[in-house]
Amino acid sequence: MLRNGLEPWHLLVVAIVFIVLFGSKKLPDTARSLGRSLRILKSEAKAMKDEGAAPAAHTPVAPAAGATADAGLIPADARVSP
């Protein structure tokens, strides 16, 4: 029974069930939105891959003379004078 589990007529039955359940008008819209989603996922994955490679190529910049290591982390209005 499971040896020949996926024959062409099985796919035909599944396609007919989808058409009956979702209707012929909804299927093109669903396929179009699925294609858009996959395209967005692919572009986001590529952006993450490119973003991951960018910091390795970035060279660190030395702080200006007289600046402390944490001067950029504390807002100017929150700093306390010694």
PDB file of N, CA and C in Angstrom:
ATOM      1  N   MET A   1       0.821  -1.194   0.000  1.00  0.00           N
ATOM      2  CA  MET A   1       0.000   0.000   0.000  1.00  0.00           C
ATOM      3  C   MET A   1       0.861   1.252   0.000  1.00  0.00           C
ATOM      4  N   LEU A   2       1.862   1.334   0.854  1.00  0.00           N
ATOM      5  CA  LEU A   2       2.703   2.527   0.916  1.00  0.00           C
ATOM      6  C   LEU A   2       3.842   2.499  -0.101  1.00  0.00           C
ATOM      7  N   ARG A   3       4.050   1.352  -0.752  1.00  0.00           N
ATOM      8  CA  ARG A   3       5.111   1.279  -1.756  1.00  0.00           C
ATOM      9  C   ARG A   3       4.857   2.247  -2.910  1.00  0.00           C
ATOM     10  N   ASN A   4       3.652   2.292  -3.365  1.00  0.00           N
ATOM     11  CA  ASN A   4       3.269   3.163  -4.484  1.00  0.00           C
ATOM     12  C   ASN A   4       2.393   4.295  -3.955  1.00  0.00           C
ATOM     13  N   GLY A   5       2.871   4.976  -2.945  1.00  0.00           N
ATOM     14  CA  GLY A   5       2.079   5.964  -2.240  1.00  0.00           C
ATOM     15  C   GLY A   5       1.727   7.212  -3.025  1.00  0.00           C
ATOM     16  N   LEU A   6       2.556   7.624  -3.973  1.00  0.00           N
ATOM     17  CA  LEU A   6       2.307   8.882  -4.666  1.00  0.00           C
ATOM     18  C   LEU A   6       2.266   8.649  -6.174  1.00  0.00           C
ATOM     19  N   GLU A   7       1.106   8.225  -6.635  1.00  0.00           N
ATOM     20  CA  GLU A   7       0.909   8.000  -8.058  1.00  0.00           C
ATOM     21  C   GLU A   7       0.212   9.216  -8.664  1.00  0.00           C
ATOM     22  N   PRO A   8       0.258   9.390  -9.976  1.00  0.00           N
ATOM     23  CA  PRO A   8      -0.352  10.561 -10.616  1.00  0.00           C
ATOM     24  C   PRO A   8      -1.828  10.751 -10.287  1.00  0.00           C
ATOM     25  N   TRP A   9      -2.592   9.685 -10.157  1.00  0.00           N
ATOM     26  CA  TRP A   9      -4.013   9.858  -9.860  1.00  0.00           C
ATOM     27  C   TRP A   9      -4.237  10.353  -8.435  1.00  0.00           C
ATOM     28  N   HIS A  10      -3.279  10.082  -7.525  1.00  0.00           N
ATOM     29  CA  HIS A  10      -3.368  10.633  -6.169  1.00  0.00           C
ATOM     30  C   HIS A  10      -3.263  12.160  -6.216  1.00  0.00           C
ATOM     31  N   LEU A  11      -2.330  12.650  -7.008  1.00  0.00           N
ATOM     32  CA  LEU A  11      -2.165  14.102  -7.149  1.00  0.00           C
ATOM     33  C   LEU A  11      -3.403  14.737  -7.768  1.00  0.00           C
ATOM     34  N   LEU A  12      -4.028  14.046  -8.701  1.00  0.00           N
ATOM     35  CA  LEU A  12      -5.251  14.543  -9.323  1.00  0.00           C
ATOM     36  C   LEU A  12      -6.375  14.648  -8.287  1.00  0.00           C
ATOM     37  N   VAL A  13      -6.499  13.651  -7.436  1.00  0.00           N
ATOM     38  CA  VAL A  13      -7.525  13.680  -6.391  1.00  0.00           C
ATOM     39  C   VAL A  13      -7.266  14.828  -5.417  1.00  0.00           C
ATOM     40  N   VAL A  14      -6.011  15.014  -5.026  1.00  0.00           N
ATOM     41  CA  VAL A  14      -5.662  16.112  -4.110  1.00  0.00           C
ATOM     42  C   VAL A  14      -5.984  17.457  -4.758  1.00  0.00           C
ATOM     43  N   ALA A  15      -5.674  17.626  -6.052  1.00  0.00           N
ATOM     44  CA  ALA A  15      -5.970  18.873  -6.755  1.00  0.00           C
ATOM     45  C   ALA A  15      -7.479  19.128  -6.801  1.00  0.00           C
ATOM     46  N   ILE A  16      -8.259  18.099  -7.050  1.00  0.00           N
ATOM     47  CA  ILE A  16      -9.720  18.253  -7.100  1.00  0.00           C
ATOM     48  C   ILE A  16     -10.263  18.646  -5.727  1.00  0.00           C
ATOM     49  N   VAL A  17      -9.718  18.050  -4.667  1.00  0.00           N
ATOM     50  CA  VAL A  17     -10.158  18.393  -3.311  1.00  0.00           C
ATOM     51  C   VAL A  17      -9.844  19.853  -3.006  1.00  0.00           C
ATOM     52  N   PHE A  18      -8.653  20.324  -3.388  1.00  0.00           N
ATOM     53  CA  PHE A  18      -8.298  21.730  -3.165  1.00  0.00           C
ATOM     54  C   PHE A  18      -9.237  22.662  -3.919  1.00  0.00           C
ATOM     55  N   ILE A  19      -9.551  22.326  -5.142  1.00  0.00           N
ATOM     56  CA  ILE A  19     -10.445  23.179  -5.937  1.00  0.00           C
ATOM     57  C   ILE A  19     -11.835  23.215  -5.321  1.00  0.00           C
ATOM     58  N   VAL A  20     -12.319  22.076  -4.840  1.00  0.00           N
ATOM     59  CA  VAL A  20     -13.642  22.027  -4.224  1.00  0.00           C
ATOM     60  C   VAL A  20     -13.653  22.804  -2.904  1.00  0.00           C
ATOM     61  N   LEU A  21     -12.613  22.640  -2.091  1.00  0.00           N
ATOM     62  CA  LEU A  21     -12.573  23.297  -0.780  1.00  0.00           C
ATOM     63  C   LEU A  21     -12.388  24.810  -0.884  1.00  0.00           C
ATOM     64  N   PHE A  22     -11.451  25.241  -1.720  1.00  0.00           N
ATOM     65  CA  PHE A  22     -11.097  26.655  -1.760  1.00  0.00           C
ATOM     66  C   PHE A  22     -11.744  27.419  -2.909  1.00  0.00           C
ATOM     67  N   GLY A  23     -12.278  26.739  -3.873  1.00  0.00           N
ATOM     68  CA  GLY A  23     -12.910  27.403  -5.009  1.00  0.00           C
ATOM     69  C   GLY A  23     -11.883  27.824  -6.042  1.00  0.00           C
ATOM     70  N   SER A  24     -12.303  27.884  -7.277  1.00  0.00           N
ATOM     71  CA  SER A  24     -11.377  28.190  -8.364  1.00  0.00           C
ATOM     72  C   SER A  24     -10.967  29.657  -8.383  1.00  0.00           C
ATOM     73  N   LYS A  25     -11.739  30.547  -7.757  1.00  0.00           N
ATOM     74  CA  LYS A  25     -11.374  31.967  -7.738  1.00  0.00           C
ATOM     75  C   LYS A  25     -10.298  32.271  -6.711  1.00  0.00           C
ATOM     76  N   LYS A  26     -10.269  31.535  -5.625  1.00  0.00           N
ATOM     77  CA  LYS A  26      -9.298  31.792  -4.549  1.00  0.00           C
ATOM     78  C   LYS A  26      -7.915  31.226  -4.853  1.00  0.00           C
ATOM     79  N   LEU A  27      -7.829  30.172  -5.635  1.00  0.00           N
ATOM     80  CA  LEU A  27      -6.549  29.509  -5.866  1.00  0.00           C
ATOM     81  C   LEU A  27      -5.511  30.406  -6.547  1.00  0.00           C
ATOM     82  N   PRO A  28      -5.837  31.171  -7.603  1.00  0.00           N
ATOM     83  CA  PRO A  28      -4.811  32.056  -8.190  1.00  0.00           C
ATOM     84  C   PRO A  28      -4.332  33.132  -7.213  1.00  0.00           C
ATOM     85  N   ASP A  29      -5.247  33.681  -6.431  1.00  0.00           N
ATOM     86  CA  ASP A  29      -4.851  34.683  -5.435  1.00  0.00           C
ATOM     87  C   ASP A  29      -3.946  34.073  -4.372  1.00  0.00           C
ATOM     88  N   THR A  30      -4.275  32.879  -3.952  1.00  0.00           N
ATOM     89  CA  THR A  30      -3.464  32.189  -2.950  1.00  0.00           C
ATOM     90  C   THR A  30      -2.070  31.883  -3.505  1.00  0.00           C
ATOM     91  N   ALA A  31      -2.004  31.415  -4.730  1.00  0.00           N
ATOM     92  CA  ALA A  31      -0.711  31.114  -5.344  1.00  0.00           C
ATOM     93  C   ALA A  31       0.116  32.392  -5.514  1.00  0.00           C
ATOM     94  N   ARG A  32      -0.525  33.486  -5.894  1.00  0.00           N
ATOM     95  CA  ARG A  32       0.173  34.755  -6.065  1.00  0.00           C
ATOM     96  C   ARG A  32       0.727  35.254  -4.730  1.00  0.00           C
ATOM     97  N   SER A  33      -0.062  35.178  -3.679  1.00  0.00           N
ATOM     98  CA  SER A  33       0.412  35.636  -2.373  1.00  0.00           C
ATOM     99  C   SER A  33       1.510  34.726  -1.834  1.00  0.00           C
ATOM    100  N   LEU A  34       1.434  33.447  -2.120  1.00  0.00           N
ATOM    101  CA  LEU A  34       2.500  32.526  -1.721  1.00  0.00           C
ATOM    102  C   LEU A  34       3.796  32.863  -2.457  1.00  0.00           C
ATOM    103  N   GLY A  35       3.699  33.182  -3.736  1.00  0.00           N
ATOM    104  CA  GLY A  35       4.882  33.580  -4.506  1.00  0.00           C
ATOM    105  C   GLY A  35       5.501  34.854  -3.977  1.00  0.00           C
ATOM    106  N   ARG A  36       4.666  35.835  -3.627  1.00  0.00           N
ATOM    107  CA  ARG A  36       5.175  37.087  -3.038  1.00  0.00           C
ATOM    108  C   ARG A  36       5.875  36.821  -1.714  1.00  0.00           C
ATOM    109  N   SER A  37       5.273  35.976  -0.892  1.00  0.00           N
ATOM    110  CA  SER A  37       5.865  35.655   0.405  1.00  0.00           C
ATOM    111  C   SER A  37       7.222  34.983   0.239  1.00  0.00           C
ATOM    112  N   LEU A  38       7.318  34.066  -0.696  1.00  0.00           N
ATOM    113  CA  LEU A  38       8.599  33.394  -0.938  1.00  0.00           C
ATOM    114  C   LEU A  38       9.640  34.369  -1.469  1.00  0.00           C
ATOM    115  N   ARG A  39       9.218  35.303  -2.322  1.00  0.00           N
ATOM    116  CA  ARG A  39      10.144  36.301  -2.852  1.00  0.00           C
ATOM    117  C   ARG A  39      10.659  37.206  -1.736  1.00  0.00           C
ATOM    118  N   ILE A  40       9.768  37.611  -0.828  1.00  0.00           N
ATOM    119  CA  ILE A  40      10.162  38.453   0.304  1.00  0.00           C
ATOM    120  C   ILE A  40      11.115  37.687   1.219  1.00  0.00           C
ATOM    121  N   LEU A  41      10.795  36.427   1.493  1.00  0.00           N
ATOM    122  CA  LEU A  41      11.654  35.601   2.343  1.00  0.00           C
ATOM    123  C   LEU A  41      13.038  35.458   1.735  1.00  0.00           C
ATOM    124  N   LYS A  42      13.098  35.258   0.431  1.00  0.00           N
ATOM    125  CA  LYS A  42      14.378  35.111  -0.244  1.00  0.00           C
ATOM    126  C   LYS A  42      15.191  36.403  -0.173  1.00  0.00           C
ATOM    127  N   SER A  43      14.547  37.549  -0.381  1.00  0.00           N
ATOM    128  CA  SER A  43      15.275  38.819  -0.333  1.00  0.00           C
ATOM    129  C   SER A  43      15.737  39.134   1.085  1.00  0.00           C
ATOM    130  N   GLU A  44      14.923  38.807   2.090  1.00  0.00           N
ATOM    131  CA  GLU A  44      15.324  39.048   3.484  1.00  0.00           C
ATOM    132  C   GLU A  44      16.486  38.138   3.877  1.00  0.00           C
ATOM    133  N   ALA A  45      16.454  36.889   3.430  1.00  0.00           N
ATOM    134  CA  ALA A  45      17.553  35.969   3.734  1.00  0.00           C
ATOM    135  C   ALA A  45      18.843  36.456   3.081  1.00  0.00           C
ATOM    136  N   LYS A  46      18.736  36.962   1.858  1.00  0.00           N
ATOM    137  CA  LYS A  46      19.915  37.488   1.177  1.00  0.00           C
ATOM    138  C   LYS A  46      20.442  38.734   1.892  1.00  0.00           C
ATOM    139  N   ALA A  47      19.540  39.600   2.364  1.00  0.00           N
ATOM    140  CA  ALA A  47      19.945  40.806   3.088  1.00  0.00           C
ATOM    141  C   ALA A  47      20.642  40.441   4.392  1.00  0.00           C
ATOM    142  N   MET A  48      20.111  39.432   5.101  1.00  0.00           N
ATOM    143  CA  MET A  48      20.747  39.001   6.347  1.00  0.00           C
ATOM    144  C   MET A  48      22.136  38.416   6.084  1.00  0.00           C
ATOM    145  N   LYS A  49      22.262  37.688   4.982  1.00  0.00           N
ATOM    146  CA  LYS A  49      23.553  37.103   4.624  1.00  0.00           C
ATOM    147  C   LYS A  49      24.551  38.205   4.285  1.00  0.00           C
ATOM    148  N   ASP A  50      24.106  39.204   3.518  1.00  0.00           N
ATOM    149  CA  ASP A  50      24.973  40.324   3.166  1.00  0.00           C
ATOM    150  C   ASP A  50      25.314  41.155   4.391  1.00  0.00           C
ATOM    151  N   GLU A  51      24.355  41.327   5.290  1.00  0.00           N
ATOM    152  CA  GLU A  51      24.565  42.101   6.508  1.00  0.00           C
ATOM    153  C   GLU A  51      25.545  41.399   7.441  1.00  0.00           C
ATOM    154  N   GLY A  52      25.514  40.092   7.469  1.00  0.00           N
ATOM    155  CA  GLY A  52      26.427  39.322   8.298  1.00  0.00           C
ATOM    156  C   GLY A  52      27.863  39.427   7.811  1.00  0.00           C
ATOM    157  N   ALA A  53      28.063  39.598   6.519  1.00  0.00           N
ATOM    158  CA  ALA A  53      29.406  39.707   5.952  1.00  0.00           C
ATOM    159  C   ALA A  53      29.939  41.133   6.056  1.00  0.00           C
ATOM    160  N   ALA A  54      29.063  42.133   6.139  1.00  0.00           N
ATOM    161  CA  ALA A  54      29.487  43.532   6.154  1.00  0.00           C
ATOM    162  C   ALA A  54      30.293  43.910   7.400  1.00  0.00           C
ATOM    163  N   PRO A  55      29.927  43.551   8.638  1.00  0.00           N
ATOM    164  CA  PRO A  55      30.715  43.963   9.800  1.00  0.00           C
ATOM    165  C   PRO A  55      32.127  43.398   9.796  1.00  0.00           C
ATOM    166  N   ALA A  56      32.349  42.250   9.206  1.00  0.00           N
ATOM    167  CA  ALA A  56      33.684  41.675   9.166  1.00  0.00           C
ATOM    168  C   ALA A  56      34.608  42.530   8.304  1.00  0.00           C
ATOM    169  N   ALA A  57      34.070  43.145   7.264  1.00  0.00           N
ATOM    170  CA  ALA A  57      34.869  43.976   6.376  1.00  0.00           C
ATOM    171  C   ALA A  57      35.033  45.393   6.925  1.00  0.00           C
ATOM    172  N   HIS A  58      34.225  45.763   7.903  1.00  0.00           N
ATOM    173  CA  HIS A  58      34.255  47.105   8.475  1.00  0.00           C
ATOM    174  C   HIS A  58      35.455  47.247   9.400  1.00  0.00           C
ATOM    175  N   THR A  59      36.211  48.340   9.239  1.00  0.00           N
ATOM    176  CA  THR A  59      37.358  48.581  10.114  1.00  0.00           C
ATOM    177  C   THR A  59      36.937  49.492  11.248  1.00  0.00           C
ATOM    178  N   PRO A  60      37.336  49.187  12.477  1.00  0.00           N
ATOM    179  CA  PRO A  60      36.933  50.032  13.603  1.00  0.00           C
ATOM    180  C   PRO A  60      37.597  51.401  13.534  1.00  0.00           C
ATOM    181  N   VAL A  61      36.885  52.404  14.017  1.00  0.00           N
ATOM    182  CA  VAL A  61      37.380  53.774  14.019  1.00  0.00           C
ATOM    183  C   VAL A  61      37.854  54.105  15.426  1.00  0.00           C
ATOM    184  N   ALA A  62      39.038  54.700  15.546  1.00  0.00           N
ATOM    185  CA  ALA A  62      39.573  55.070  16.855  1.00  0.00           C
ATOM    186  C   ALA A  62      38.805  56.263  17.408  1.00  0.00           C
ATOM    187  N   PRO A  63      38.572  56.325  18.736  1.00  0.00           N
ATOM    188  CA  PRO A  63      37.866  57.463  19.321  1.00  0.00           C
ATOM    189  C   PRO A  63      38.690  58.737  19.211  1.00  0.00           C
ATOM    190  N   ALA A  64      37.997  59.855  19.230  1.00  0.00           N
ATOM    191  CA  ALA A  64      38.666  61.152  19.132  1.00  0.00           C
ATOM    192  C   ALA A  64      39.522  61.383  20.376  1.00  0.00           C
ATOM    193  N   ALA A  65      40.503  62.254  20.264  1.00  0.00           N
ATOM    194  CA  ALA A  65      41.400  62.552  21.376  1.00  0.00           C
ATOM    195  C   ALA A  65      40.608  63.159  22.532  1.00  0.00           C
ATOM    196  N   GLY A  66      40.843  62.665  23.737  1.00  0.00           N
ATOM    197  CA  GLY A  66      40.176  63.179  24.915  1.00  0.00           C
ATOM    198  C   GLY A  66      38.819  62.548  25.183  1.00  0.00           C
ATOM    199  N   ALA A  67      38.346  61.665  24.325  1.00  0.00           N
ATOM    200  CA  ALA A  67      37.053  61.020  24.530  1.00  0.00           C
ATOM    201  C   ALA A  67      37.234  59.777  25.387  1.00  0.00           C
ATOM    202  N   THR A  68      36.276  59.508  26.235  1.00  0.00           N
ATOM    203  CA  THR A  68      36.332  58.301  27.051  1.00  0.00           C
ATOM    204  C   THR A  68      35.678  57.155  26.300  1.00  0.00           C
ATOM    205  N   ALA A  69      35.921  55.946  26.756  1.00  0.00           N
ATOM    206  CA  ALA A  69      35.413  54.767  26.060  1.00  0.00           C
ATOM    207  C   ALA A  69      33.893  54.710  26.077  1.00  0.00           C
ATOM    208  N   ASP A  70      33.257  55.196  27.141  1.00  0.00           N
ATOM    209  CA  ASP A  70      31.809  55.116  27.230  1.00  0.00           C
ATOM    210  C   ASP A  70      31.114  56.441  26.923  1.00  0.00           C
ATOM    211  N   ALA A  71      31.824  57.397  26.389  1.00  0.00           N
ATOM    212  CA  ALA A  71      31.229  58.712  26.131  1.00  0.00           C
ATOM    213  C   ALA A  71      30.079  58.628  25.133  1.00  0.00           C
ATOM    214  N   GLY A  72      30.153  57.735  24.183  1.00  0.00           N
ATOM    215  CA  GLY A  72      29.095  57.626  23.193  1.00  0.00           C
ATOM    216  C   GLY A  72      27.886  56.864  23.696  1.00  0.00           C
ATOM    217  N   LEU A  73      28.009  56.135  24.805  1.00  0.00           N
ATOM    218  CA  LEU A  73      26.910  55.324  25.295  1.00  0.00           C
ATOM    219  C   LEU A  73      25.972  56.086  26.223  1.00  0.00           C
ATOM    220  N   ILE A  74      26.438  57.147  26.852  1.00  0.00           N
ATOM    221  CA  ILE A  74      25.628  57.901  27.795  1.00  0.00           C
ATOM    222  C   ILE A  74      25.173  59.192  27.121  1.00  0.00           C
ATOM    223  N   PRO A  75      23.878  59.473  27.125  1.00  0.00           N
ATOM    224  CA  PRO A  75      23.403  60.722  26.525  1.00  0.00           C
ATOM    225  C   PRO A  75      24.006  61.936  27.237  1.00  0.00           C
ATOM    226  N   ALA A  76      24.206  63.005  26.499  1.00  0.00           N
ATOM    227  CA  ALA A  76      24.873  64.203  27.048  1.00  0.00           C
ATOM    228  C   ALA A  76      24.115  64.797  28.219  1.00  0.00           C
ATOM    229  N   ASP A  77      22.787  64.738  28.210  1.00  0.00           N
ATOM    230  CA  ASP A  77      22.033  65.342  29.296  1.00  0.00           C
ATOM    231  C   ASP A  77      22.019  64.467  30.559  1.00  0.00           C
ATOM    232  N   ALA A  78      22.433  63.200  30.458  1.00  0.00           N
ATOM    233  CA  ALA A  78      22.440  62.310  31.607  1.00  0.00           C
ATOM    234  C   ALA A  78      23.812  62.233  32.279  1.00  0.00           C
ATOM    235  N   ARG A  79      24.827  62.831  31.683  1.00  0.00           N
ATOM    236  CA  ARG A  79      26.177  62.763  32.248  1.00  0.00           C
ATOM    237  C   ARG A  79      26.279  63.636  33.495  1.00  0.00           C
ATOM    238  N   VAL A  80      27.074  63.169  34.426  1.00  0.00           N
ATOM    239  CA  VAL A  80      27.288  63.908  35.681  1.00  0.00           C
ATOM    240  C   VAL A  80      28.703  64.453  35.652  1.00  0.00           C
ATOM    241  N   SER A  81      28.844  65.749  35.946  1.00  0.00           N
ATOM    242  CA  SER A  81      30.166  66.360  35.973  1.00  0.00           C
ATOM    243  C   SER A  81      30.883  65.945  37.241  1.00  0.00           C
ATOM    244  N   PRO A  82      32.217  65.704  37.178  1.00  0.00           N
ATOM    245  CA  PRO A  82      32.958  65.324  38.381  1.00  0.00           C
ATOM    246  C   PRO A  82      33.178  66.473  39.338  1.00  0.00           C
TER     247      PRO A  82
END
